[in-house]
Every structure is written in structure tokens, then in C-alpha cells.
Amino acid sequence: MELFDTHFHWDKKMEPTVIVSEAQLNNVNFGVCIGADYSSSLLSKQFVESFENYWFAAGVHPHESSHFNEGLSQFKELFVNPKLVAVGEIGLDYFYDFSDKKSQLKTMEIFTECALKINKPLIVHIRDKDNKFDAFEESFQILKDFAKDNGTFVVHCFTGSNKWLDTFLELGAFIGITGMVTFPKAENIRKLINCIPDERLLLETDSPYLAPKPFRGKTNYPKYLIETAKKISEIKSIDLEVLADITTKNAKNFYGV
């Protein structure tokens, strides 16, 4: 059995060799390390350099968009690196006010255009305030044109409504599910699992954040992806090995590896 952590961050609290070896002990044999700004994108590149089955993505998270000077020149070297498999994470986050909406929208548009130019998939973060869907609506307006131009993307750590799930699936989106699916109050996410077509489902940790039960509240690592996989296999009533095979094939297809 082989699992693929499609989205994790490196916080430097643990050496890459330890993270990867511990992940392998839990059948997590593939991973993509994600950047959230230029410096963390560089770290993501450094993380994966020594591992054949690990790759990285580079982008500017919406929290960091107000600090982005709208110039891609510093990213150029990263975007031609053979280990780069995606642009991201990028997107819109209206839950927090870490960056103004204008800069978030501008940054998302810049990196979406870049993904088309370099023919790489997009990793999209979307989060709204409770009971609002402004970030979903405005992301959709950008992504529908991206999809029309044959762009592929994943809505990572999906927590939206059934309506928005259907809307993004219609654009060809992949859907990333994290350890939140194990949280007691996350019944909304569990209800969506069987609405995601098997061929569009991706597993992720979003580590060091969102550690699943029974590790909630602790630092998350790719090794804990197994807990998310167990929960989803339970919800879908399929063997864990079958789920691993489906989602790992999806991840390889999405990232082109």
C-alpha cells in the first residue's frame, strides 16, 4: 500500500530525512512540499532535492499577498526547476484579514496566468467567514476562465458547501481532503466525501497544521496521512488499500509524476 501526501509544508522543526523515513513507516511514500511565499517556496525546493518521490510547488498564499510586489522575477528559477510540479498555494482567504482583498485577487490572477504559461496545475486555497461564500464566488470567477484555457487545479483542504463542491467539480477540479475529516465537529466535510468522484479525490495533511485525531493539537506530519485515509475509507466503505490505490493514482495524474 502506498499513500501520497499531496500537500504539506516544512516548518524546519524536523529534518527532511526523518520526516520522509517516518512517513514511509506509515505507507506514505510520495509527497509534495508546498510554498506559501518566496522564502518558503525555496525551503520546499530544498526539502525535496534529495528524495526521488517528493516534489514541490511554489506560490504566494493569500495571507502573504499584501507583501507580494507583483513581480515574478524571483520565482523564475523555481518555475524551471525539474522538481516543480505545481503553482501554489494561492487563492483567497476572507476568514482572516491578513491581506486586503485587492492584493489577494491580484496575486491570485498573476499566479493563475503563470500556471497556464508554464503548463502546471494550480493549488488553490479558499476560505470564507462563517456562512459566507464571497471567496468561493470570486475564486470561481477566476478559475472558470483558467479551466476554459485547459488549466487544472485542486481546491485544497476543501470545507465548502455541496453547491460549491459541485460547481468546482464541473470545472474539472480535484478536491483535497485533510485530517479535518476526523474532527468531531466536521460532519459537513464527512457528508461531502461520497459526493466527490473517486477520480477527483486527493489526500493531504497540510502539515504542520490540522493534525488528525488522535494527534489533534500536536504538530502534524506527512506520517499522519494514514489517519485521514483510514477515516475516508470508513466513510466510503472501501478497503484502505483500495482507497490508497485510487488516491495515489489521482495524485500522480494531477501532478504529472
C-alpha atoms as a PDB file:
ATOM      1  CA  MET A   1       0.000   0.000   0.000  1.00  0.00           C
ATOM      2  CA  GLU A   2       1.279   3.460  -0.957  1.00  0.00           C
ATOM      3  CA  LEU A   3      -0.163   6.826   0.085  1.00  0.00           C
ATOM      4  CA  PHE A   4       0.579  10.237  -1.440  1.00  0.00           C
ATOM      5  CA  ASP A   5       0.572  13.386   0.735  1.00  0.00           C
ATOM      6  CA  THR A   6      -0.414  15.913  -1.911  1.00  0.00           C
ATOM      7  CA  HIS A   7       0.045  18.984   0.295  1.00  0.00           C
ATOM      8  CA  PHE A   8       2.390  19.586   3.217  1.00  0.00           C
ATOM      9  CA  HIS A   9       4.586  22.436   4.441  1.00  0.00           C
ATOM     10  CA  TRP A  10       8.027  22.209   6.043  1.00  0.00           C
ATOM     11  CA  ASP A  11       8.427  24.190   9.263  1.00  0.00           C
ATOM     12  CA  LYS A  12      12.056  23.018   9.849  1.00  0.00           C
ATOM     13  CA  LYS A  13      11.233  21.524  13.264  1.00  0.00           C
ATOM     14  CA  MET A  14      12.272  18.113  11.949  1.00  0.00           C
ATOM     15  CA  GLU A  15      14.902  17.130   9.375  1.00  0.00           C
ATOM     16  CA  PRO A  16      13.587  16.072   5.965  1.00  0.00           C
ATOM     17  CA  THR A  17      15.227  12.639   6.235  1.00  0.00           C
ATOM     18  CA  VAL A  18      13.341  11.987   9.483  1.00  0.00           C
ATOM     19  CA  ILE A  19      10.023  13.252   8.096  1.00  0.00           C
ATOM     20  CA  VAL A  20      10.345  11.078   4.997  1.00  0.00           C
ATOM     21  CA  SER A  21      11.505   7.954   6.813  1.00  0.00           C
ATOM     22  CA  GLU A  22       8.716   8.211   9.418  1.00  0.00           C
ATOM     23  CA  ALA A  23       6.195   8.774   6.625  1.00  0.00           C
ATOM     24  CA  GLN A  24       7.386   5.610   4.857  1.00  0.00           C
ATOM     25  CA  LEU A  25       6.791   3.602   8.034  1.00  0.00           C
ATOM     26  CA  ASN A  26       3.131   4.636   7.687  1.00  0.00           C
ATOM     27  CA  ASN A  27       2.962   3.789   3.964  1.00  0.00           C
ATOM     28  CA  VAL A  28       3.276   7.447   2.877  1.00  0.00           C
ATOM     29  CA  ASN A  29       5.760   7.095   0.039  1.00  0.00           C
ATOM     30  CA  PHE A  30       5.094  10.221  -2.039  1.00  0.00           C
ATOM     31  CA  GLY A  31       4.652  13.890  -1.232  1.00  0.00           C
ATOM     32  CA  VAL A  32       4.561  17.466  -2.483  1.00  0.00           C
ATOM     33  CA  CYS A  33       6.034  20.209  -0.300  1.00  0.00           C
ATOM     34  CA  ILE A  34       4.138  23.464  -0.735  1.00  0.00           C
ATOM     35  CA  GLY A  35       5.370  27.061  -0.715  1.00  0.00           C
ATOM     36  CA  ALA A  36       3.393  29.961   0.747  1.00  0.00           C
ATOM     37  CA  ASP A  37       5.731  32.796  -0.290  1.00  0.00           C
ATOM     38  CA  TYR A  38       9.117  33.048  -1.960  1.00  0.00           C
ATOM     39  CA  SER A  39      11.184  32.033   1.082  1.00  0.00           C
ATOM     40  CA  SER A  40       9.002  29.026   1.951  1.00  0.00           C
ATOM     41  CA  SER A  41       8.933  28.025  -1.723  1.00  0.00           C
ATOM     42  CA  LEU A  42      12.733  27.955  -1.594  1.00  0.00           C
ATOM     43  CA  LEU A  43      12.554  25.795   1.521  1.00  0.00           C
ATOM     44  CA  SER A  44      10.129  23.478  -0.241  1.00  0.00           C
ATOM     45  CA  LYS A  45      12.626  23.061  -3.089  1.00  0.00           C
ATOM     46  CA  GLN A  46      15.393  22.321  -0.599  1.00  0.00           C
ATOM     47  CA  PHE A  47      13.254  19.748   1.188  1.00  0.00           C
ATOM     48  CA  VAL A  48      12.627  17.620  -1.899  1.00  0.00           C
ATOM     49  CA  GLU A  49      16.051  17.782  -3.540  1.00  0.00           C
ATOM     50  CA  SER A  50      17.295  14.505  -2.049  1.00  0.00           C
ATOM     51  CA  PHE A  51      14.138  12.414  -2.464  1.00  0.00           C
ATOM     52  CA  GLU A  52      13.077  10.780  -5.713  1.00  0.00           C
ATOM     53  CA  ASN A  53       9.388  10.544  -4.766  1.00  0.00           C
ATOM     54  CA  TYR A  54       8.987  14.074  -3.408  1.00  0.00           C
ATOM     55  CA  TRP A  55       8.321  17.255  -5.379  1.00  0.00           C
ATOM     56  CA  PHE A  56       7.483  20.882  -4.612  1.00  0.00           C
ATOM     57  CA  ALA A  57       5.161  23.752  -5.507  1.00  0.00           C
ATOM     58  CA  ALA A  58       5.864  27.494  -5.419  1.00  0.00           C
ATOM     59  CA  GLY A  59       3.450  30.350  -4.915  1.00  0.00           C
ATOM     60  CA  VAL A  60       2.104  33.069  -2.610  1.00  0.00           C
ATOM     61  CA  HIS A  61      -0.569  32.209  -0.048  1.00  0.00           C
ATOM     62  CA  PRO A  62      -3.390  34.787   0.286  1.00  0.00           C
ATOM     63  CA  HIS A  63      -2.156  35.625   3.804  1.00  0.00           C
ATOM     64  CA  GLU A  64       1.119  36.799   2.222  1.00  0.00           C
ATOM     65  CA  SER A  65      -0.317  38.544  -0.830  1.00  0.00           C
ATOM     66  CA  SER A  66      -0.116  42.074   0.627  1.00  0.00           C
ATOM     67  CA  HIS A  67       3.669  41.581   0.806  1.00  0.00           C
ATOM     68  CA  PHE A  68       3.939  40.363  -2.777  1.00  0.00           C
ATOM     69  CA  ASN A  69       5.309  43.060  -5.079  1.00  0.00           C
ATOM     70  CA  GLU A  70       3.545  41.597  -8.138  1.00  0.00           C
ATOM     71  CA  GLY A  71       6.856  40.603  -9.688  1.00  0.00           C
ATOM     72  CA  LEU A  72       7.514  37.006 -10.634  1.00  0.00           C
ATOM     73  CA  SER A  73      11.222  37.518 -11.336  1.00  0.00           C
ATOM     74  CA  GLN A  74      12.344  35.938  -8.060  1.00  0.00           C
ATOM     75  CA  PHE A  75      10.209  32.869  -8.813  1.00  0.00           C
ATOM     76  CA  LYS A  76      11.607  32.297 -12.314  1.00  0.00           C
ATOM     77  CA  GLU A  77      14.374  29.966 -11.190  1.00  0.00           C
ATOM     78  CA  LEU A  78      11.901  27.917  -9.166  1.00  0.00           C
ATOM     79  CA  PHE A  79       9.430  27.641 -12.042  1.00  0.00           C
ATOM     80  CA  VAL A  80      12.007  25.989 -14.315  1.00  0.00           C
ATOM     81  CA  ASN A  81      13.243  23.560 -11.659  1.00  0.00           C
ATOM     82  CA  PRO A  82      12.581  19.935 -12.741  1.00  0.00           C
ATOM     83  CA  LYS A  83      11.190  19.082  -9.289  1.00  0.00           C
ATOM     84  CA  LEU A  84       8.473  21.761  -9.507  1.00  0.00           C
ATOM     85  CA  VAL A  85       5.094  20.124 -10.191  1.00  0.00           C
ATOM     86  CA  ALA A  86       2.574  22.891  -9.432  1.00  0.00           C
ATOM     87  CA  VAL A  87       1.972  26.580  -8.769  1.00  0.00           C
ATOM     88  CA  GLY A  88       0.716  27.305  -5.271  1.00  0.00           C
ATOM     89  CA  GLU A  89      -0.557  27.575  -2.917  1.00  0.00           C
ATOM     90  CA  ILE A  90      -2.504  30.625  -3.984  1.00  0.00           C
ATOM     91  CA  GLY A  91      -6.084  31.737  -3.521  1.00  0.00           C
ATOM     92  CA  LEU A  92      -8.439  33.842  -1.422  1.00  0.00           C
ATOM     93  CA  ASP A  93      -8.860  33.856   2.354  1.00  0.00           C
ATOM     94  CA  TYR A  94     -11.576  36.165   3.676  1.00  0.00           C
ATOM     95  CA  PHE A  95     -11.753  34.459   7.076  1.00  0.00           C
ATOM     96  CA  TYR A  96      -8.738  36.373   8.315  1.00  0.00           C
ATOM     97  CA  ASP A  97      -7.713  39.924   7.408  1.00  0.00           C
ATOM     98  CA  PHE A  98      -4.007  39.239   6.964  1.00  0.00           C
ATOM     99  CA  SER A  99      -4.102  40.699   3.430  1.00  0.00           C
ATOM    100  CA  ASP A 100      -6.585  43.041   1.779  1.00  0.00           C
ATOM    101  CA  LYS A 101      -8.945  41.633  -0.846  1.00  0.00           C
ATOM    102  CA  LYS A 102      -7.475  43.670  -3.697  1.00  0.00           C
ATOM    103  CA  SER A 103      -3.977  42.267  -3.206  1.00  0.00           C
ATOM    104  CA  GLN A 104      -5.344  38.743  -2.783  1.00  0.00           C
ATOM    105  CA  LEU A 105      -7.258  38.941  -6.053  1.00  0.00           C
ATOM    106  CA  LYS A 106      -4.325  40.459  -7.923  1.00  0.00           C
ATOM    107  CA  THR A 107      -1.886  37.864  -6.630  1.00  0.00           C
ATOM    108  CA  MET A 108      -4.236  35.006  -7.480  1.00  0.00           C
ATOM    109  CA  GLU A 109      -4.702  36.329 -11.013  1.00  0.00           C
ATOM    110  CA  ILE A 110      -0.937  36.688 -11.531  1.00  0.00           C
ATOM    111  CA  PHE A 111      -0.139  33.143 -10.433  1.00  0.00           C
ATOM    112  CA  THR A 112      -3.111  31.667 -12.276  1.00  0.00           C
ATOM    113  CA  GLU A 113      -1.807  33.191 -15.504  1.00  0.00           C
ATOM    114  CA  CYS A 114       1.656  31.907 -14.649  1.00  0.00           C
ATOM    115  CA  ALA A 115       0.365  28.345 -14.185  1.00  0.00           C
ATOM    116  CA  LEU A 116      -1.077  28.444 -17.696  1.00  0.00           C
ATOM    117  CA  LYS A 117       2.164  29.765 -19.160  1.00  0.00           C
ATOM    118  CA  ILE A 118       4.332  27.047 -17.593  1.00  0.00           C
ATOM    119  CA  ASN A 119       1.649  24.352 -18.013  1.00  0.00           C
ATOM    120  CA  LYS A 120       1.448  23.367 -14.372  1.00  0.00           C
ATOM    121  CA  PRO A 121      -1.587  22.647 -12.189  1.00  0.00           C
ATOM    122  CA  LEU A 122      -2.740  25.134  -9.582  1.00  0.00           C
ATOM    123  CA  ILE A 123      -3.128  24.582  -5.830  1.00  0.00           C
ATOM    124  CA  VAL A 124      -5.966  26.781  -4.581  1.00  0.00           C
ATOM    125  CA  HIS A 125      -6.793  27.866  -1.023  1.00  0.00           C
ATOM    126  CA  ILE A 126     -10.338  29.175  -0.458  1.00  0.00           C
ATOM    127  CA  ARG A 127     -11.705  30.180   2.938  1.00  0.00           C
ATOM    128  CA  ASP A 128     -14.630  32.413   3.866  1.00  0.00           C
ATOM    129  CA  LYS A 129     -16.088  33.773   7.052  1.00  0.00           C
ATOM    130  CA  ASP A 130     -18.800  31.540   8.518  1.00  0.00           C
ATOM    131  CA  ASN A 131     -21.946  31.315   6.386  1.00  0.00           C
ATOM    132  CA  LYS A 132     -20.471  33.489   3.634  1.00  0.00           C
ATOM    133  CA  PHE A 133     -19.182  32.435   0.231  1.00  0.00           C
ATOM    134  CA  ASP A 134     -17.567  35.569  -1.193  1.00  0.00           C
ATOM    135  CA  ALA A 135     -14.148  33.934  -1.505  1.00  0.00           C
ATOM    136  CA  PHE A 136     -15.694  30.944  -3.280  1.00  0.00           C
ATOM    137  CA  GLU A 137     -17.617  33.171  -5.695  1.00  0.00           C
ATOM    138  CA  GLU A 138     -14.632  35.371  -6.529  1.00  0.00           C
ATOM    139  CA  SER A 139     -12.295  32.383  -6.854  1.00  0.00           C
ATOM    140  CA  PHE A 140     -14.792  30.789  -9.214  1.00  0.00           C
ATOM    141  CA  GLN A 141     -14.780  33.874 -11.449  1.00  0.00           C
ATOM    142  CA  ILE A 142     -11.009  33.487 -11.885  1.00  0.00           C
ATOM    143  CA  LEU A 143     -10.915  29.701 -12.102  1.00  0.00           C
ATOM    144  CA  LYS A 144     -13.677  29.318 -14.681  1.00  0.00           C
ATOM    145  CA  ASP A 145     -11.514  31.173 -17.213  1.00  0.00           C
ATOM    146  CA  PHE A 146      -8.461  29.198 -16.093  1.00  0.00           C
ATOM    147  CA  ALA A 147     -10.342  25.929 -16.664  1.00  0.00           C
ATOM    148  CA  LYS A 148     -11.620  27.174 -20.038  1.00  0.00           C
ATOM    149  CA  ASP A 149      -7.967  27.522 -21.057  1.00  0.00           C
ATOM    150  CA  ASN A 150      -7.373  23.882 -20.049  1.00  0.00           C
ATOM    151  CA  GLY A 151      -5.902  24.708 -16.654  1.00  0.00           C
ATOM    152  CA  THR A 152      -6.167  22.065 -13.939  1.00  0.00           C
ATOM    153  CA  PHE A 153      -6.456  22.796 -10.240  1.00  0.00           C
ATOM    154  CA  VAL A 154      -7.164  21.384  -6.807  1.00  0.00           C
ATOM    155  CA  VAL A 155      -9.216  23.115  -4.144  1.00  0.00           C
ATOM    156  CA  HIS A 156      -7.088  22.052  -1.214  1.00  0.00           C
ATOM    157  CA  CYS A 157      -8.452  21.482   2.307  1.00  0.00           C
ATOM    158  CA  PHE A 158     -11.981  21.732   0.981  1.00  0.00           C
ATOM    159  CA  THR A 159     -14.547  22.935   3.534  1.00  0.00           C
ATOM    160  CA  GLY A 160     -17.177  24.458   1.260  1.00  0.00           C
ATOM    161  CA  SER A 161     -20.817  23.614   0.700  1.00  0.00           C
ATOM    162  CA  ASN A 162     -22.232  20.881  -1.506  1.00  0.00           C
ATOM    163  CA  LYS A 163     -23.213  23.565  -4.020  1.00  0.00           C
ATOM    164  CA  TRP A 164     -19.637  24.823  -4.285  1.00  0.00           C
ATOM    165  CA  LEU A 165     -18.283  21.298  -4.452  1.00  0.00           C
ATOM    166  CA  ASP A 166     -20.488  20.642  -7.487  1.00  0.00           C
ATOM    167  CA  THR A 167     -19.568  23.990  -9.016  1.00  0.00           C
ATOM    168  CA  PHE A 168     -15.830  23.333  -8.867  1.00  0.00           C
ATOM    169  CA  LEU A 169     -16.191  19.716  -9.937  1.00  0.00           C
ATOM    170  CA  GLU A 170     -17.919  20.985 -13.062  1.00  0.00           C
ATOM    171  CA  LEU A 171     -14.748  22.949 -13.821  1.00  0.00           C
ATOM    172  CA  GLY A 172     -12.727  19.732 -13.550  1.00  0.00           C
ATOM    173  CA  ALA A 173     -11.344  20.428 -10.084  1.00  0.00           C
ATOM    174  CA  PHE A 174      -9.655  17.904  -7.863  1.00  0.00           C
ATOM    175  CA  ILE A 175     -10.640  18.088  -4.193  1.00  0.00           C
ATOM    176  CA  GLY A 176      -8.119  17.843  -1.351  1.00  0.00           C
ATOM    177  CA  ILE A 177      -9.238  16.414   1.997  1.00  0.00           C
ATOM    178  CA  THR A 178      -7.218  16.872   5.191  1.00  0.00           C
ATOM    179  CA  GLY A 179      -7.273  15.492   8.711  1.00  0.00           C
ATOM    180  CA  MET A 180     -10.196  17.802   9.422  1.00  0.00           C
ATOM    181  CA  VAL A 181     -12.382  14.919   8.268  1.00  0.00           C
ATOM    182  CA  THR A 182     -11.564  13.240  11.596  1.00  0.00           C
ATOM    183  CA  PHE A 183     -12.598  16.231  13.746  1.00  0.00           C
ATOM    184  CA  PRO A 184     -15.773  15.631  15.792  1.00  0.00           C
ATOM    185  CA  LYS A 185     -17.435  18.839  14.579  1.00  0.00           C
ATOM    186  CA  ALA A 186     -16.541  18.368  10.902  1.00  0.00           C
ATOM    187  CA  GLU A 187     -19.688  16.495   9.931  1.00  0.00           C
ATOM    188  CA  ASN A 188     -20.061  18.867   6.958  1.00  0.00           C
ATOM    189  CA  ILE A 189     -16.830  17.512   5.470  1.00  0.00           C
ATOM    190  CA  ARG A 190     -17.728  13.886   6.133  1.00  0.00           C
ATOM    191  CA  LYS A 191     -21.049  14.383   4.344  1.00  0.00           C
ATOM    192  CA  LEU A 192     -19.214  15.592   1.240  1.00  0.00           C
ATOM    193  CA  ILE A 193     -16.871  12.625   0.910  1.00  0.00           C
ATOM    194  CA  ASN A 194     -19.266  10.413  -1.026  1.00  0.00           C
ATOM    195  CA  CYS A 195     -20.149  13.357  -3.295  1.00  0.00           C
ATOM    196  CA  ILE A 196     -16.561  13.563  -4.579  1.00  0.00           C
ATOM    197  CA  PRO A 197     -15.969  11.310  -7.600  1.00  0.00           C
ATOM    198  CA  ASP A 198     -13.293   8.732  -6.835  1.00  0.00           C
ATOM    199  CA  GLU A 199     -11.104  10.013  -9.661  1.00  0.00           C
ATOM    200  CA  ARG A 200     -11.040  13.585  -8.252  1.00  0.00           C
ATOM    201  CA  LEU A 201     -10.188  12.813  -4.608  1.00  0.00           C
ATOM    202  CA  LEU A 202      -6.786  13.752  -3.193  1.00  0.00           C
ATOM    203  CA  LEU A 203      -5.448  13.169   0.325  1.00  0.00           C
ATOM    204  CA  GLU A 204      -3.327  15.738   2.146  1.00  0.00           C
ATOM    205  CA  THR A 205      -2.054  16.618   5.596  1.00  0.00           C
ATOM    206  CA  ASP A 206      -1.482  20.386   5.227  1.00  0.00           C
ATOM    207  CA  SER A 207       1.135  19.725   7.893  1.00  0.00           C
ATOM    208  CA  PRO A 208       2.344  21.142  10.216  1.00  0.00           C
ATOM    209  CA  TYR A 209      -1.294  22.215  10.628  1.00  0.00           C
ATOM    210  CA  LEU A 210      -4.549  20.281  11.136  1.00  0.00           C
ATOM    211  CA  ALA A 211      -3.221  17.106  12.735  1.00  0.00           C
ATOM    212  CA  PRO A 212      -5.936  14.432  12.616  1.00  0.00           C
ATOM    213  CA  LYS A 213      -7.309  12.545  15.567  1.00  0.00           C
ATOM    214  CA  PRO A 214      -5.760  11.082  17.691  1.00  0.00           C
ATOM    215  CA  PHE A 215      -2.944  13.630  17.236  1.00  0.00           C
ATOM    216  CA  ARG A 216      -5.076  16.768  17.150  1.00  0.00           C
ATOM    217  CA  GLY A 217      -3.366  19.726  18.821  1.00  0.00           C
ATOM    218  CA  LYS A 218       0.099  18.388  18.033  1.00  0.00           C
ATOM    219  CA  THR A 219       2.409  19.244  15.151  1.00  0.00           C
ATOM    220  CA  ASN A 220       1.205  17.481  12.037  1.00  0.00           C
ATOM    221  CA  TYR A 221       3.500  15.496   9.728  1.00  0.00           C
ATOM    222  CA  PRO A 222       3.047  13.528   6.497  1.00  0.00           C
ATOM    223  CA  LYS A 223       3.184  10.285   8.512  1.00  0.00           C
ATOM    224  CA  TYR A 224      -0.251  11.111   9.920  1.00  0.00           C
ATOM    225  CA  LEU A 225      -1.876  10.937   6.473  1.00  0.00           C
ATOM    226  CA  ILE A 226      -2.699   7.322   7.310  1.00  0.00           C
ATOM    227  CA  GLU A 227      -5.293   8.524   9.848  1.00  0.00           C
ATOM    228  CA  THR A 228      -7.098  10.622   7.243  1.00  0.00           C
ATOM    229  CA  ALA A 229      -7.022   7.706   4.815  1.00  0.00           C
ATOM    230  CA  LYS A 230      -8.496   5.349   7.426  1.00  0.00           C
ATOM    231  CA  LYS A 231     -11.371   7.732   8.132  1.00  0.00           C
ATOM    232  CA  ILE A 232     -12.206   8.256   4.473  1.00  0.00           C
ATOM    233  CA  SER A 233     -12.079   4.522   3.747  1.00  0.00           C
ATOM    234  CA  GLU A 234     -14.509   4.042   6.629  1.00  0.00           C
ATOM    235  CA  ILE A 235     -16.878   6.716   5.278  1.00  0.00           C
ATOM    236  CA  LYS A 236     -16.724   5.309   1.747  1.00  0.00           C
ATOM    237  CA  SER A 237     -16.979   1.704   2.978  1.00  0.00           C
ATOM    238  CA  ILE A 238     -13.989   0.562   0.931  1.00  0.00           C
ATOM    239  CA  ASP A 239     -10.753  -1.142   1.902  1.00  0.00           C
ATOM    240  CA  LEU A 240      -7.921   1.142   2.919  1.00  0.00           C
ATOM    241  CA  GLU A 241      -5.692  -0.419   0.266  1.00  0.00           C
ATOM    242  CA  VAL A 242      -8.264   0.364  -2.419  1.00  0.00           C
ATOM    243  CA  LEU A 243      -8.526   3.987  -1.287  1.00  0.00           C
ATOM    244  CA  ALA A 244      -4.733   4.287  -1.252  1.00  0.00           C
ATOM    245  CA  ASP A 245      -4.516   2.941  -4.795  1.00  0.00           C
ATOM    246  CA  ILE A 246      -7.227   5.315  -6.072  1.00  0.00           C
ATOM    247  CA  THR A 247      -5.895   8.473  -4.443  1.00  0.00           C
ATOM    248  CA  THR A 248      -2.237   7.795  -5.219  1.00  0.00           C
ATOM    249  CA  LYS A 249      -3.074   7.286  -8.893  1.00  0.00           C
ATOM    250  CA  ASN A 250      -5.089  10.522  -8.791  1.00  0.00           C
ATOM    251  CA  ALA A 251      -2.172  12.420  -7.261  1.00  0.00           C
ATOM    252  CA  LYS A 252       0.294  11.115  -9.838  1.00  0.00           C
ATOM    253  CA  ASN A 253      -2.143  12.047 -12.596  1.00  0.00           C
ATOM    254  CA  PHE A 254      -2.777  15.532 -11.178  1.00  0.00           C
ATOM    255  CA  TYR A 255       0.891  16.361 -10.642  1.00  0.00           C
ATOM    256  CA  GLY A 256       2.124  14.578 -13.751  1.00  0.00           C
ATOM    257  CA  VAL A 257       4.665  12.408 -11.971  1.00  0.00           C
END
